[in-house]
N, C-alpha and C. Protein backbone atom coordinates (compact mmCIF):
# COMPACT_ATOMS: atom_id res chain seq x y z
N MET A 1 -18.56 -3.69 14.43
CA MET A 1 -17.96 -4.80 15.13
C MET A 1 -16.55 -4.41 15.56
N SER A 2 -16.42 -3.30 16.20
CA SER A 2 -15.13 -2.79 16.62
C SER A 2 -14.74 -3.38 17.97
N GLU A 3 -13.46 -3.64 18.11
CA GLU A 3 -12.95 -4.16 19.37
C GLU A 3 -12.29 -3.03 20.14
N GLU A 4 -12.24 -3.18 21.44
CA GLU A 4 -11.55 -2.22 22.28
C GLU A 4 -10.06 -2.49 22.20
N ILE A 5 -9.28 -1.43 22.18
CA ILE A 5 -7.83 -1.58 22.11
C ILE A 5 -7.28 -1.85 23.51
N THR A 6 -6.48 -2.88 23.62
CA THR A 6 -5.79 -3.19 24.87
C THR A 6 -4.30 -3.13 24.59
N TYR A 7 -3.62 -2.15 25.17
CA TYR A 7 -2.19 -1.99 24.94
C TYR A 7 -1.39 -2.62 26.06
N PRO A 8 -0.19 -3.10 25.79
CA PRO A 8 0.41 -3.22 24.48
C PRO A 8 -0.18 -4.41 23.71
N LEU A 9 -0.15 -4.32 22.40
CA LEU A 9 -0.65 -5.40 21.55
C LEU A 9 0.40 -6.50 21.46
N ASP A 10 -0.04 -7.73 21.37
CA ASP A 10 0.93 -8.81 21.21
C ASP A 10 1.54 -8.75 19.81
N ASP A 11 2.67 -9.41 19.64
CA ASP A 11 3.43 -9.31 18.41
C ASP A 11 2.65 -9.80 17.19
N GLU A 12 1.93 -10.89 17.33
CA GLU A 12 1.16 -11.43 16.20
C GLU A 12 0.09 -10.44 15.74
N LEU A 13 -0.58 -9.82 16.68
CA LEU A 13 -1.60 -8.83 16.33
C LEU A 13 -0.96 -7.59 15.71
N CYS A 14 0.21 -7.19 16.19
CA CYS A 14 0.93 -6.06 15.57
C CYS A 14 1.26 -6.38 14.12
N LYS A 15 1.67 -7.61 13.85
CA LYS A 15 1.98 -8.01 12.48
C LYS A 15 0.74 -7.91 11.59
N LYS A 16 -0.37 -8.45 12.07
CA LYS A 16 -1.60 -8.42 11.28
C LYS A 16 -2.09 -6.99 11.06
N LEU A 17 -2.03 -6.18 12.11
CA LEU A 17 -2.45 -4.79 11.97
C LEU A 17 -1.53 -4.03 11.02
N ALA A 18 -0.24 -4.33 11.05
CA ALA A 18 0.70 -3.67 10.14
C ALA A 18 0.34 -3.95 8.69
N VAL A 19 0.01 -5.19 8.39
CA VAL A 19 -0.39 -5.53 7.02
C VAL A 19 -1.66 -4.79 6.66
N TRP A 20 -2.64 -4.80 7.56
CA TRP A 20 -3.89 -4.11 7.28
C TRP A 20 -3.68 -2.61 7.12
N LEU A 21 -2.93 -1.99 8.04
CA LEU A 21 -2.70 -0.54 7.97
C LEU A 21 -1.99 -0.14 6.68
N CYS A 22 -0.98 -0.88 6.31
CA CYS A 22 -0.23 -0.54 5.10
C CYS A 22 -1.10 -0.69 3.86
N ASP A 23 -2.04 -1.59 3.90
CA ASP A 23 -2.90 -1.82 2.75
C ASP A 23 -4.08 -0.86 2.71
N HIS A 24 -4.48 -0.33 3.86
CA HIS A 24 -5.68 0.50 3.91
C HIS A 24 -5.42 1.91 4.42
N ALA A 25 -5.10 2.03 5.67
CA ALA A 25 -5.04 3.35 6.30
C ALA A 25 -3.82 4.16 5.90
N LEU A 26 -2.71 3.51 5.63
CA LEU A 26 -1.47 4.24 5.37
C LEU A 26 -1.09 4.25 3.90
N LYS A 27 -2.06 4.14 3.03
CA LYS A 27 -1.77 4.06 1.59
C LYS A 27 -0.90 5.21 1.11
N ASN A 28 -1.05 6.39 1.70
CA ASN A 28 -0.29 7.54 1.24
C ASN A 28 1.04 7.71 1.97
N ALA A 29 1.29 6.90 2.97
CA ALA A 29 2.55 6.96 3.70
C ALA A 29 3.52 5.94 3.13
N SER A 30 4.78 6.18 3.31
CA SER A 30 5.77 5.27 2.74
C SER A 30 6.29 4.30 3.79
N TYR A 31 5.40 3.51 4.34
CA TYR A 31 5.78 2.51 5.33
C TYR A 31 5.92 1.15 4.67
N TYR A 32 6.97 0.47 5.03
CA TYR A 32 7.04 -0.94 4.73
C TYR A 32 6.33 -1.65 5.87
N VAL A 33 5.82 -2.83 5.62
CA VAL A 33 5.07 -3.54 6.64
C VAL A 33 5.92 -3.74 7.90
N GLN A 34 7.19 -4.08 7.72
CA GLN A 34 8.06 -4.30 8.87
C GLN A 34 8.24 -3.00 9.67
N GLU A 35 8.37 -1.87 8.97
CA GLU A 35 8.49 -0.58 9.66
C GLU A 35 7.20 -0.23 10.39
N CYS A 36 6.08 -0.53 9.76
CA CYS A 36 4.79 -0.27 10.38
C CYS A 36 4.63 -1.10 11.65
N ARG A 37 5.06 -2.35 11.59
CA ARG A 37 5.00 -3.21 12.78
C ARG A 37 5.84 -2.63 13.90
N ALA A 38 7.05 -2.18 13.58
CA ALA A 38 7.92 -1.59 14.60
C ALA A 38 7.29 -0.32 15.17
N MET A 39 6.68 0.49 14.31
CA MET A 39 6.01 1.70 14.75
C MET A 39 4.84 1.37 15.67
N LEU A 40 4.06 0.37 15.30
CA LEU A 40 2.93 -0.04 16.14
C LEU A 40 3.39 -0.53 17.51
N ARG A 41 4.42 -1.35 17.50
CA ARG A 41 4.94 -1.87 18.78
C ARG A 41 5.40 -0.73 19.67
N ASP A 42 6.14 0.21 19.09
CA ASP A 42 6.62 1.36 19.86
C ASP A 42 5.45 2.20 20.35
N TYR A 43 4.48 2.45 19.47
CA TYR A 43 3.32 3.25 19.84
C TYR A 43 2.52 2.60 20.96
N THR A 44 2.28 1.30 20.85
CA THR A 44 1.45 0.64 21.85
C THR A 44 2.17 0.47 23.19
N GLN A 45 3.49 0.55 23.18
CA GLN A 45 4.25 0.45 24.42
C GLN A 45 4.57 1.82 25.03
N ASN A 46 4.80 2.82 24.15
CA ASN A 46 5.29 4.11 24.65
C ASN A 46 4.43 5.31 24.30
N GLY A 47 3.41 5.10 23.48
CA GLY A 47 2.55 6.22 23.08
C GLY A 47 3.11 6.98 21.90
N MET A 48 2.49 8.11 21.60
CA MET A 48 2.85 8.94 20.46
C MET A 48 4.19 9.61 20.71
N ASN A 49 5.10 9.47 19.75
CA ASN A 49 6.38 10.18 19.85
C ASN A 49 6.45 11.22 18.73
N ASP A 50 7.48 12.07 18.78
CA ASP A 50 7.58 13.16 17.81
C ASP A 50 7.76 12.68 16.37
N THR A 51 8.51 11.60 16.18
CA THR A 51 8.71 11.07 14.83
C THR A 51 7.41 10.57 14.24
N LEU A 52 6.65 9.82 15.02
CA LEU A 52 5.37 9.30 14.56
C LEU A 52 4.40 10.45 14.31
N LEU A 53 4.38 11.43 15.19
CA LEU A 53 3.51 12.59 15.01
C LEU A 53 3.85 13.30 13.69
N HIS A 54 5.13 13.48 13.42
CA HIS A 54 5.57 14.10 12.18
C HIS A 54 5.09 13.28 10.97
N ASP A 55 5.26 11.96 11.04
CA ASP A 55 4.83 11.08 9.94
C ASP A 55 3.33 11.16 9.71
N ILE A 56 2.55 11.18 10.78
CA ILE A 56 1.09 11.26 10.65
C ILE A 56 0.68 12.61 10.08
N ARG A 57 1.34 13.67 10.53
CA ARG A 57 1.05 15.00 9.98
C ARG A 57 1.30 15.03 8.48
N ASN A 58 2.43 14.46 8.05
CA ASN A 58 2.76 14.45 6.63
C ASN A 58 1.81 13.57 5.83
N ALA A 59 1.52 12.38 6.34
CA ALA A 59 0.65 11.44 5.62
C ALA A 59 -0.77 11.98 5.49
N SER A 60 -1.23 12.68 6.51
CA SER A 60 -2.60 13.21 6.48
C SER A 60 -2.66 14.62 5.89
N ASN A 61 -1.49 15.18 5.55
CA ASN A 61 -1.40 16.53 5.02
C ASN A 61 -2.04 17.55 5.97
N GLN A 62 -1.77 17.36 7.27
CA GLN A 62 -2.29 18.24 8.31
C GLN A 62 -1.12 18.67 9.21
N PRO A 63 -0.34 19.67 8.78
CA PRO A 63 0.85 20.06 9.53
C PRO A 63 0.58 20.59 10.93
N GLU A 64 -0.63 21.02 11.20
CA GLU A 64 -0.96 21.56 12.53
C GLU A 64 -1.64 20.54 13.44
N LEU A 65 -1.70 19.30 13.02
CA LEU A 65 -2.35 18.25 13.80
C LEU A 65 -1.68 18.13 15.18
N THR A 66 -2.50 18.15 16.21
CA THR A 66 -1.95 18.06 17.57
C THR A 66 -1.63 16.61 17.92
N LYS A 67 -0.86 16.43 18.96
CA LYS A 67 -0.51 15.09 19.43
C LYS A 67 -1.77 14.33 19.84
N ILE A 68 -2.69 15.01 20.49
CA ILE A 68 -3.94 14.37 20.92
C ILE A 68 -4.76 13.94 19.71
N ALA A 69 -4.88 14.82 18.73
CA ALA A 69 -5.65 14.49 17.52
C ALA A 69 -4.99 13.36 16.75
N ALA A 70 -3.66 13.35 16.68
CA ALA A 70 -2.95 12.27 15.98
C ALA A 70 -3.14 10.94 16.70
N THR A 71 -3.14 10.99 18.02
CA THR A 71 -3.38 9.78 18.81
C THR A 71 -4.79 9.25 18.55
N GLU A 72 -5.77 10.15 18.55
CA GLU A 72 -7.15 9.74 18.27
C GLU A 72 -7.27 9.16 16.86
N LEU A 73 -6.60 9.78 15.91
CA LEU A 73 -6.62 9.31 14.53
C LEU A 73 -6.03 7.90 14.42
N LEU A 74 -4.86 7.71 15.01
CA LEU A 74 -4.21 6.40 14.95
C LEU A 74 -5.00 5.35 15.72
N ASP A 75 -5.51 5.70 16.90
CA ASP A 75 -6.34 4.76 17.65
C ASP A 75 -7.58 4.38 16.86
N GLY A 76 -8.16 5.33 16.15
CA GLY A 76 -9.33 5.04 15.32
C GLY A 76 -9.01 4.05 14.21
N GLU A 77 -7.84 4.23 13.57
CA GLU A 77 -7.43 3.31 12.52
C GLU A 77 -7.14 1.92 13.10
N ILE A 78 -6.53 1.88 14.26
CA ILE A 78 -6.25 0.60 14.91
C ILE A 78 -7.56 -0.11 15.24
N LYS A 79 -8.54 0.63 15.75
CA LYS A 79 -9.85 0.04 16.06
C LYS A 79 -10.52 -0.51 14.80
N LYS A 80 -10.43 0.25 13.70
CA LYS A 80 -11.00 -0.24 12.44
C LYS A 80 -10.31 -1.54 12.02
N GLY A 81 -9.01 -1.55 12.13
CA GLY A 81 -8.25 -2.74 11.77
C GLY A 81 -8.60 -3.93 12.64
N LEU A 82 -8.71 -3.71 13.95
CA LEU A 82 -9.09 -4.80 14.85
C LEU A 82 -10.47 -5.35 14.49
N GLY A 83 -11.39 -4.43 14.17
CA GLY A 83 -12.74 -4.86 13.78
C GLY A 83 -12.72 -5.68 12.50
N GLN A 84 -11.94 -5.23 11.53
CA GLN A 84 -11.86 -5.96 10.27
C GLN A 84 -11.20 -7.32 10.45
N LEU A 85 -10.13 -7.37 11.23
CA LEU A 85 -9.46 -8.65 11.48
C LEU A 85 -10.40 -9.63 12.21
N ALA A 86 -11.18 -9.12 13.15
CA ALA A 86 -12.14 -9.97 13.87
C ALA A 86 -13.20 -10.51 12.91
N LEU A 87 -13.68 -9.65 12.01
CA LEU A 87 -14.68 -10.08 11.03
C LEU A 87 -14.10 -11.16 10.12
N TRP A 88 -12.88 -10.96 9.64
CA TRP A 88 -12.27 -11.94 8.75
C TRP A 88 -11.98 -13.25 9.47
N GLN A 89 -11.72 -13.17 10.76
CA GLN A 89 -11.51 -14.41 11.52
C GLN A 89 -12.82 -15.20 11.61
N GLN A 90 -13.93 -14.50 11.72
CA GLN A 90 -15.23 -15.15 11.79
C GLN A 90 -15.70 -15.62 10.42
N GLN A 91 -15.22 -14.97 9.37
CA GLN A 91 -15.63 -15.31 8.01
C GLN A 91 -14.39 -15.58 7.15
N PRO A 92 -13.69 -16.67 7.43
CA PRO A 92 -12.42 -16.93 6.75
C PRO A 92 -12.54 -17.17 5.25
N ARG A 93 -13.73 -17.47 4.77
CA ARG A 93 -13.90 -17.72 3.33
C ARG A 93 -14.18 -16.44 2.55
N ASP A 94 -14.35 -15.34 3.25
CA ASP A 94 -14.54 -14.05 2.61
C ASP A 94 -13.36 -13.78 1.68
N THR A 95 -13.63 -13.27 0.49
CA THR A 95 -12.58 -13.02 -0.50
C THR A 95 -11.51 -12.09 0.05
N ASN A 96 -11.92 -11.02 0.72
CA ASN A 96 -10.95 -10.08 1.29
C ASN A 96 -10.12 -10.72 2.39
N ALA A 97 -10.73 -11.61 3.15
CA ALA A 97 -9.99 -12.33 4.19
C ALA A 97 -8.92 -13.21 3.55
N ARG A 98 -9.26 -13.83 2.46
CA ARG A 98 -8.28 -14.68 1.75
C ARG A 98 -7.12 -13.85 1.22
N PHE A 99 -7.43 -12.71 0.61
CA PHE A 99 -6.37 -11.83 0.11
C PHE A 99 -5.49 -11.34 1.26
N PHE A 100 -6.13 -11.00 2.38
CA PHE A 100 -5.36 -10.55 3.53
C PHE A 100 -4.39 -11.63 3.99
N ARG A 101 -4.87 -12.87 4.13
CA ARG A 101 -4.00 -13.97 4.57
C ARG A 101 -2.85 -14.18 3.59
N MET A 102 -3.15 -14.05 2.30
CA MET A 102 -2.11 -14.22 1.29
C MET A 102 -1.04 -13.13 1.45
N LYS A 103 -1.45 -11.88 1.63
CA LYS A 103 -0.51 -10.78 1.83
C LYS A 103 0.30 -11.00 3.11
N TYR A 104 -0.38 -11.40 4.15
CA TYR A 104 0.28 -11.63 5.44
C TYR A 104 1.36 -12.71 5.32
N GLN A 105 1.05 -13.77 4.62
CA GLN A 105 2.00 -14.88 4.47
C GLN A 105 3.19 -14.53 3.60
N GLN A 106 3.03 -13.52 2.75
CA GLN A 106 4.11 -13.12 1.86
C GLN A 106 5.15 -12.20 2.51
N VAL A 107 4.83 -11.68 3.69
CA VAL A 107 5.74 -10.75 4.36
C VAL A 107 6.91 -11.52 4.95
N ASN A 108 8.11 -11.02 4.69
CA ASN A 108 9.31 -11.55 5.32
C ASN A 108 9.54 -10.75 6.59
N TRP A 109 9.11 -11.29 7.71
CA TRP A 109 9.19 -10.56 8.97
C TRP A 109 10.62 -10.42 9.48
N GLU A 110 11.53 -11.16 8.91
CA GLU A 110 12.93 -11.09 9.33
C GLU A 110 13.70 -10.01 8.58
N ALA A 111 13.09 -9.44 7.53
CA ALA A 111 13.78 -8.43 6.71
C ALA A 111 13.98 -7.14 7.44
């Protein structure tokens, strides 16, 4: 149930994806949710930059990862996140959906 990515993502969707990514895809990276949101906004507006490429290489332990491969990797994670968010929207009583909403509501987006 994957959705197609349409860039740039709106701010609300960036926030939700940031929470999902930090909880799932970026477990080994040291991103705060607010930093992840800023990274997503920059990525969806400007594409892969050198800082993000460096971070993805380090997080995936793949120092030779190309910009194209890193873009494909990040786009794949974004697609997974969009699919999961869509599923939880359709099934709001799902236990994982409830935990996600709780985590989302706990984020101080102004920090």
